Amino acid sequence: MSIFKIRLKKGDTVVVRSGKYKGKTGKVLATHPSENKVTVENVNLYKKHVKPNRQHPQGGIIEMTRPIDVSKVGILDPTSKMASRIGFKIDKEGKKIRVFKRGGKDIK
């Protein structure tokens, strides 16, 4: 099983580019490099039936988020309010910095 290189990080704000949730934005909750997927809040929701347990003493139906493919999301560029791809640049100290491909500005 190969591990994919995911340029997105936990906490990044992303826009869904295709599929059922196209146009929705949310923060990355987790990355899954072995599956090439990311979990985004309030995107790709599903309902799960749960038996009563310690976490859910009542049981019932809970909404959970499923991972979505990395190719379907793009990082949100705050200046243009559009999805962008991520590139890398070496700064003056020799550190590798993530940059927006759309505008060329650094990602903070």
N, C-alpha and C. Protein backbone atom coordinates (compact mmCIF):
# COMPACT_ATOMS: atom_id res chain seq x y z
N MET A 1 0.85 -1.18 0.00
CA MET A 1 0.00 0.00 0.00
C MET A 1 0.90 1.24 0.00
N SER A 2 0.65 2.15 -0.94
CA SER A 2 1.48 3.34 -1.03
C SER A 2 0.90 4.48 -0.20
N ILE A 3 1.78 5.37 0.24
CA ILE A 3 1.37 6.55 0.99
C ILE A 3 1.47 7.74 0.05
N PHE A 4 0.37 8.48 -0.09
CA PHE A 4 0.32 9.62 -0.99
C PHE A 4 0.82 10.88 -0.31
N LYS A 5 1.34 11.80 -1.10
CA LYS A 5 1.82 13.08 -0.59
C LYS A 5 0.65 14.06 -0.64
N ILE A 6 0.12 14.41 0.53
CA ILE A 6 -1.00 15.34 0.62
C ILE A 6 -0.46 16.70 1.02
N ARG A 7 -0.73 17.71 0.22
CA ARG A 7 -0.21 19.05 0.49
C ARG A 7 -1.10 19.83 1.46
N LEU A 8 -2.31 19.35 1.67
CA LEU A 8 -3.21 19.99 2.63
C LEU A 8 -2.83 19.58 4.04
N LYS A 9 -3.09 20.47 5.00
CA LYS A 9 -2.80 20.18 6.40
C LYS A 9 -4.06 20.34 7.23
N LYS A 10 -4.06 19.76 8.40
CA LYS A 10 -5.17 19.90 9.34
C LYS A 10 -5.35 21.38 9.68
N GLY A 11 -6.58 21.88 9.58
CA GLY A 11 -6.86 23.28 9.88
C GLY A 11 -6.99 24.15 8.65
N ASP A 12 -6.57 23.68 7.47
CA ASP A 12 -6.72 24.46 6.24
C ASP A 12 -8.19 24.60 5.87
N THR A 13 -8.56 25.76 5.32
CA THR A 13 -9.92 25.96 4.83
C THR A 13 -9.94 25.57 3.36
N VAL A 14 -10.84 24.67 3.00
CA VAL A 14 -10.90 24.16 1.63
C VAL A 14 -12.29 24.35 1.03
N VAL A 15 -12.35 24.30 -0.31
CA VAL A 15 -13.60 24.38 -1.07
C VAL A 15 -13.74 23.08 -1.84
N VAL A 16 -14.95 22.51 -1.84
CA VAL A 16 -15.20 21.29 -2.59
C VAL A 16 -15.42 21.70 -4.05
N ARG A 17 -14.65 21.10 -4.96
CA ARG A 17 -14.68 21.48 -6.37
C ARG A 17 -15.66 20.66 -7.21
N SER A 18 -15.98 19.45 -6.78
CA SER A 18 -16.88 18.62 -7.57
C SER A 18 -17.67 17.68 -6.68
N GLY A 19 -18.75 17.16 -7.23
CA GLY A 19 -19.57 16.19 -6.51
C GLY A 19 -20.80 16.80 -5.87
N LYS A 20 -21.41 16.05 -5.00
CA LYS A 20 -22.66 16.43 -4.34
C LYS A 20 -22.51 17.70 -3.51
N TYR A 21 -21.35 17.91 -2.90
CA TYR A 21 -21.13 19.05 -2.01
C TYR A 21 -20.36 20.18 -2.69
N LYS A 22 -20.42 20.27 -4.01
CA LYS A 22 -19.68 21.28 -4.77
C LYS A 22 -19.99 22.69 -4.28
N GLY A 23 -18.94 23.49 -4.02
CA GLY A 23 -19.11 24.87 -3.58
C GLY A 23 -19.08 25.05 -2.08
N LYS A 24 -19.22 23.97 -1.29
CA LYS A 24 -19.20 24.09 0.16
C LYS A 24 -17.77 24.27 0.66
N THR A 25 -17.64 25.04 1.74
CA THR A 25 -16.33 25.24 2.34
C THR A 25 -16.31 24.66 3.74
N GLY A 26 -15.13 24.33 4.22
CA GLY A 26 -14.98 23.79 5.56
C GLY A 26 -13.52 23.60 5.90
N LYS A 27 -13.26 23.33 7.17
CA LYS A 27 -11.89 23.11 7.62
C LYS A 27 -11.54 21.63 7.53
N VAL A 28 -10.28 21.36 7.26
CA VAL A 28 -9.79 19.99 7.21
C VAL A 28 -9.65 19.49 8.65
N LEU A 29 -10.36 18.42 8.99
CA LEU A 29 -10.31 17.85 10.33
C LEU A 29 -9.21 16.80 10.45
N ALA A 30 -8.95 16.07 9.36
CA ALA A 30 -7.92 15.03 9.38
C ALA A 30 -7.48 14.72 7.96
N THR A 31 -6.25 14.26 7.82
CA THR A 31 -5.75 13.80 6.52
C THR A 31 -5.51 12.30 6.60
N HIS A 32 -5.73 11.62 5.49
CA HIS A 32 -5.55 10.17 5.43
C HIS A 32 -4.63 9.85 4.24
N PRO A 33 -3.30 9.96 4.43
CA PRO A 33 -2.36 9.78 3.33
C PRO A 33 -2.41 8.40 2.67
N SER A 34 -2.72 7.36 3.43
CA SER A 34 -2.76 6.01 2.85
C SER A 34 -3.94 5.84 1.90
N GLU A 35 -5.00 6.61 2.10
CA GLU A 35 -6.19 6.53 1.26
C GLU A 35 -6.27 7.67 0.25
N ASN A 36 -5.38 8.67 0.35
CA ASN A 36 -5.40 9.89 -0.47
C ASN A 36 -6.70 10.66 -0.27
N LYS A 37 -7.13 10.77 0.98
CA LYS A 37 -8.39 11.45 1.32
C LYS A 37 -8.19 12.40 2.49
N VAL A 38 -9.13 13.36 2.61
CA VAL A 38 -9.15 14.27 3.76
C VAL A 38 -10.57 14.30 4.31
N THR A 39 -10.69 14.55 5.61
CA THR A 39 -11.99 14.70 6.24
C THR A 39 -12.24 16.19 6.43
N VAL A 40 -13.36 16.68 5.87
CA VAL A 40 -13.71 18.10 5.93
C VAL A 40 -14.99 18.23 6.73
N GLU A 41 -15.04 19.24 7.65
CA GLU A 41 -16.23 19.40 8.49
C GLU A 41 -17.45 19.77 7.65
N ASN A 42 -18.59 19.16 7.97
CA ASN A 42 -19.89 19.38 7.33
C ASN A 42 -19.89 19.05 5.84
N VAL A 43 -19.00 18.16 5.42
CA VAL A 43 -18.97 17.71 4.02
C VAL A 43 -18.96 16.19 4.02
N ASN A 44 -19.71 15.59 3.10
CA ASN A 44 -19.80 14.14 2.96
C ASN A 44 -20.35 13.50 4.25
N LEU A 45 -21.48 14.02 4.70
CA LEU A 45 -22.13 13.52 5.93
C LEU A 45 -22.91 12.24 5.65
N TYR A 46 -23.00 11.40 6.66
CA TYR A 46 -23.86 10.22 6.58
C TYR A 46 -24.43 9.94 7.96
N LYS A 47 -25.53 9.21 8.00
CA LYS A 47 -26.18 8.90 9.28
C LYS A 47 -25.88 7.47 9.66
N LYS A 48 -25.49 7.30 10.92
CA LYS A 48 -25.15 5.98 11.42
C LYS A 48 -26.07 5.62 12.58
N HIS A 49 -26.60 4.41 12.54
CA HIS A 49 -27.46 3.92 13.62
C HIS A 49 -26.56 3.32 14.69
N VAL A 50 -26.70 3.81 15.93
CA VAL A 50 -25.82 3.40 17.01
C VAL A 50 -26.62 2.77 18.14
N LYS A 51 -26.14 1.64 18.62
CA LYS A 51 -26.75 1.00 19.78
C LYS A 51 -26.36 1.78 21.03
N PRO A 52 -27.14 1.71 22.08
CA PRO A 52 -26.75 2.41 23.32
C PRO A 52 -25.40 1.92 23.84
N ASN A 53 -24.54 2.90 24.18
CA ASN A 53 -23.24 2.60 24.77
C ASN A 53 -22.86 3.74 25.72
N ARG A 54 -21.65 3.75 26.21
CA ARG A 54 -21.25 4.79 27.18
C ARG A 54 -21.24 6.18 26.57
N GLN A 55 -20.77 6.30 25.34
CA GLN A 55 -20.73 7.61 24.68
C GLN A 55 -22.13 8.10 24.34
N HIS A 56 -22.97 7.20 23.87
CA HIS A 56 -24.35 7.53 23.50
C HIS A 56 -25.30 6.62 24.28
N PRO A 57 -25.62 7.00 25.54
CA PRO A 57 -26.45 6.12 26.36
C PRO A 57 -27.85 5.89 25.79
N GLN A 58 -28.35 6.86 25.02
CA GLN A 58 -29.67 6.76 24.43
C GLN A 58 -29.65 5.90 23.17
N GLY A 59 -28.48 5.88 22.47
CA GLY A 59 -28.43 5.22 21.17
C GLY A 59 -29.02 6.15 20.13
N GLY A 60 -29.47 5.62 19.01
CA GLY A 60 -30.15 6.43 18.01
C GLY A 60 -29.33 6.62 16.74
N ILE A 61 -29.64 7.69 16.02
CA ILE A 61 -29.01 7.98 14.73
C ILE A 61 -28.11 9.21 14.88
N ILE A 62 -26.82 9.06 14.54
CA ILE A 62 -25.90 10.19 14.62
C ILE A 62 -25.36 10.51 13.23
N GLU A 63 -25.07 11.80 12.98
CA GLU A 63 -24.47 12.22 11.73
C GLU A 63 -22.96 12.21 11.88
N MET A 64 -22.28 11.61 10.92
CA MET A 64 -20.82 11.56 10.94
C MET A 64 -20.28 12.02 9.59
N THR A 65 -19.01 12.43 9.56
CA THR A 65 -18.40 12.85 8.30
C THR A 65 -17.49 11.75 7.78
N ARG A 66 -17.55 11.53 6.48
CA ARG A 66 -16.68 10.56 5.82
C ARG A 66 -15.57 11.30 5.10
N PRO A 67 -14.43 10.66 4.91
CA PRO A 67 -13.36 11.31 4.14
C PRO A 67 -13.77 11.51 2.69
N ILE A 68 -13.23 12.58 2.08
CA ILE A 68 -13.48 12.90 0.67
C ILE A 68 -12.14 12.90 -0.05
N ASP A 69 -12.15 12.55 -1.32
CA ASP A 69 -10.91 12.46 -2.09
C ASP A 69 -10.23 13.82 -2.19
N VAL A 70 -8.90 13.83 -2.11
CA VAL A 70 -8.12 15.07 -2.16
C VAL A 70 -8.32 15.80 -3.48
N SER A 71 -8.53 15.05 -4.57
CA SER A 71 -8.68 15.67 -5.88
C SER A 71 -9.96 16.48 -6.00
N LYS A 72 -10.92 16.25 -5.11
CA LYS A 72 -12.19 16.97 -5.16
C LYS A 72 -12.18 18.26 -4.37
N VAL A 73 -11.12 18.54 -3.62
CA VAL A 73 -11.06 19.77 -2.83
C VAL A 73 -9.86 20.62 -3.22
N GLY A 74 -9.99 21.93 -3.02
CA GLY A 74 -8.90 22.87 -3.25
C GLY A 74 -8.84 23.85 -2.10
N ILE A 75 -7.64 24.31 -1.77
CA ILE A 75 -7.47 25.25 -0.66
C ILE A 75 -8.08 26.59 -1.04
N LEU A 76 -8.72 27.26 -0.08
CA LEU A 76 -9.40 28.53 -0.33
C LEU A 76 -8.39 29.67 -0.26
N ASP A 77 -8.29 30.41 -1.37
CA ASP A 77 -7.43 31.59 -1.43
C ASP A 77 -8.23 32.76 -0.86
N PRO A 78 -7.82 33.35 0.30
CA PRO A 78 -8.63 34.39 0.93
C PRO A 78 -8.73 35.69 0.12
N THR A 79 -7.75 35.97 -0.74
CA THR A 79 -7.79 37.22 -1.52
C THR A 79 -8.79 37.13 -2.66
N SER A 80 -8.78 36.01 -3.40
CA SER A 80 -9.69 35.87 -4.54
C SER A 80 -10.97 35.11 -4.20
N LYS A 81 -11.05 34.52 -2.99
CA LYS A 81 -12.21 33.74 -2.54
C LYS A 81 -12.51 32.56 -3.47
N MET A 82 -11.47 32.02 -4.09
CA MET A 82 -11.63 30.90 -5.01
C MET A 82 -10.67 29.77 -4.61
N ALA A 83 -10.96 28.57 -5.12
CA ALA A 83 -10.11 27.42 -4.84
C ALA A 83 -8.81 27.54 -5.62
N SER A 84 -7.73 27.13 -4.99
CA SER A 84 -6.41 27.18 -5.62
C SER A 84 -5.68 25.88 -5.36
N ARG A 85 -4.61 25.66 -6.12
CA ARG A 85 -3.74 24.53 -5.87
C ARG A 85 -2.58 25.01 -5.00
N ILE A 86 -1.79 24.07 -4.50
CA ILE A 86 -0.69 24.41 -3.61
C ILE A 86 0.63 24.10 -4.29
N GLY A 87 1.56 25.07 -4.21
CA GLY A 87 2.92 24.87 -4.70
C GLY A 87 3.89 25.10 -3.57
N PHE A 88 5.16 24.91 -3.84
CA PHE A 88 6.20 25.11 -2.83
C PHE A 88 7.24 26.08 -3.33
N LYS A 89 7.83 26.82 -2.40
CA LYS A 89 8.86 27.79 -2.72
C LYS A 89 9.87 27.77 -1.57
N ILE A 90 11.15 28.00 -1.89
CA ILE A 90 12.19 28.06 -0.87
C ILE A 90 12.42 29.53 -0.53
N ASP A 91 12.35 29.89 0.77
CA ASP A 91 12.55 31.29 1.17
C ASP A 91 14.04 31.58 1.39
N LYS A 92 14.34 32.79 1.85
CA LYS A 92 15.73 33.24 2.01
C LYS A 92 16.54 32.41 3.01
N GLU A 93 15.85 31.90 4.06
CA GLU A 93 16.55 31.08 5.06
C GLU A 93 16.71 29.62 4.60
N GLY A 94 16.15 29.28 3.46
CA GLY A 94 16.25 27.91 2.96
C GLY A 94 15.12 27.01 3.40
N LYS A 95 14.04 27.59 3.96
CA LYS A 95 12.89 26.81 4.40
C LYS A 95 11.90 26.65 3.25
N LYS A 96 11.23 25.52 3.24
CA LYS A 96 10.22 25.23 2.23
C LYS A 96 8.89 25.83 2.68
N ILE A 97 8.26 26.65 1.82
CA ILE A 97 7.01 27.34 2.16
C ILE A 97 5.94 26.93 1.17
N ARG A 98 4.72 26.70 1.68
CA ARG A 98 3.58 26.44 0.80
C ARG A 98 3.07 27.76 0.24
N VAL A 99 2.74 27.80 -1.06
CA VAL A 99 2.22 29.01 -1.70
C VAL A 99 0.99 28.66 -2.53
N PHE A 100 0.11 29.67 -2.73
CA PHE A 100 -1.04 29.50 -3.61
C PHE A 100 -0.56 29.56 -5.05
N LYS A 101 -0.99 28.62 -5.89
CA LYS A 101 -0.63 28.64 -7.30
C LYS A 101 -1.35 29.79 -8.01
N ARG A 102 -2.55 30.14 -7.53
CA ARG A 102 -3.35 31.18 -8.18
C ARG A 102 -2.72 32.56 -8.05
N GLY A 103 -2.29 32.94 -6.85
CA GLY A 103 -1.77 34.29 -6.64
C GLY A 103 -0.29 34.33 -6.33
N GLY A 104 0.28 33.21 -5.89
CA GLY A 104 1.68 33.18 -5.56
C GLY A 104 2.02 33.62 -4.15
N LYS A 105 0.99 33.95 -3.34
CA LYS A 105 1.23 34.39 -1.97
C LYS A 105 1.43 33.19 -1.05
N ASP A 106 2.10 33.45 0.09
CA ASP A 106 2.37 32.39 1.06
C ASP A 106 1.09 31.96 1.76
N ILE A 107 1.03 30.67 2.11
CA ILE A 107 -0.10 30.14 2.90
C ILE A 107 0.30 30.21 4.35
N LYS A 108 -0.56 30.82 5.16
CA LYS A 108 -0.26 30.95 6.59
C LYS A 108 -1.00 29.92 7.39
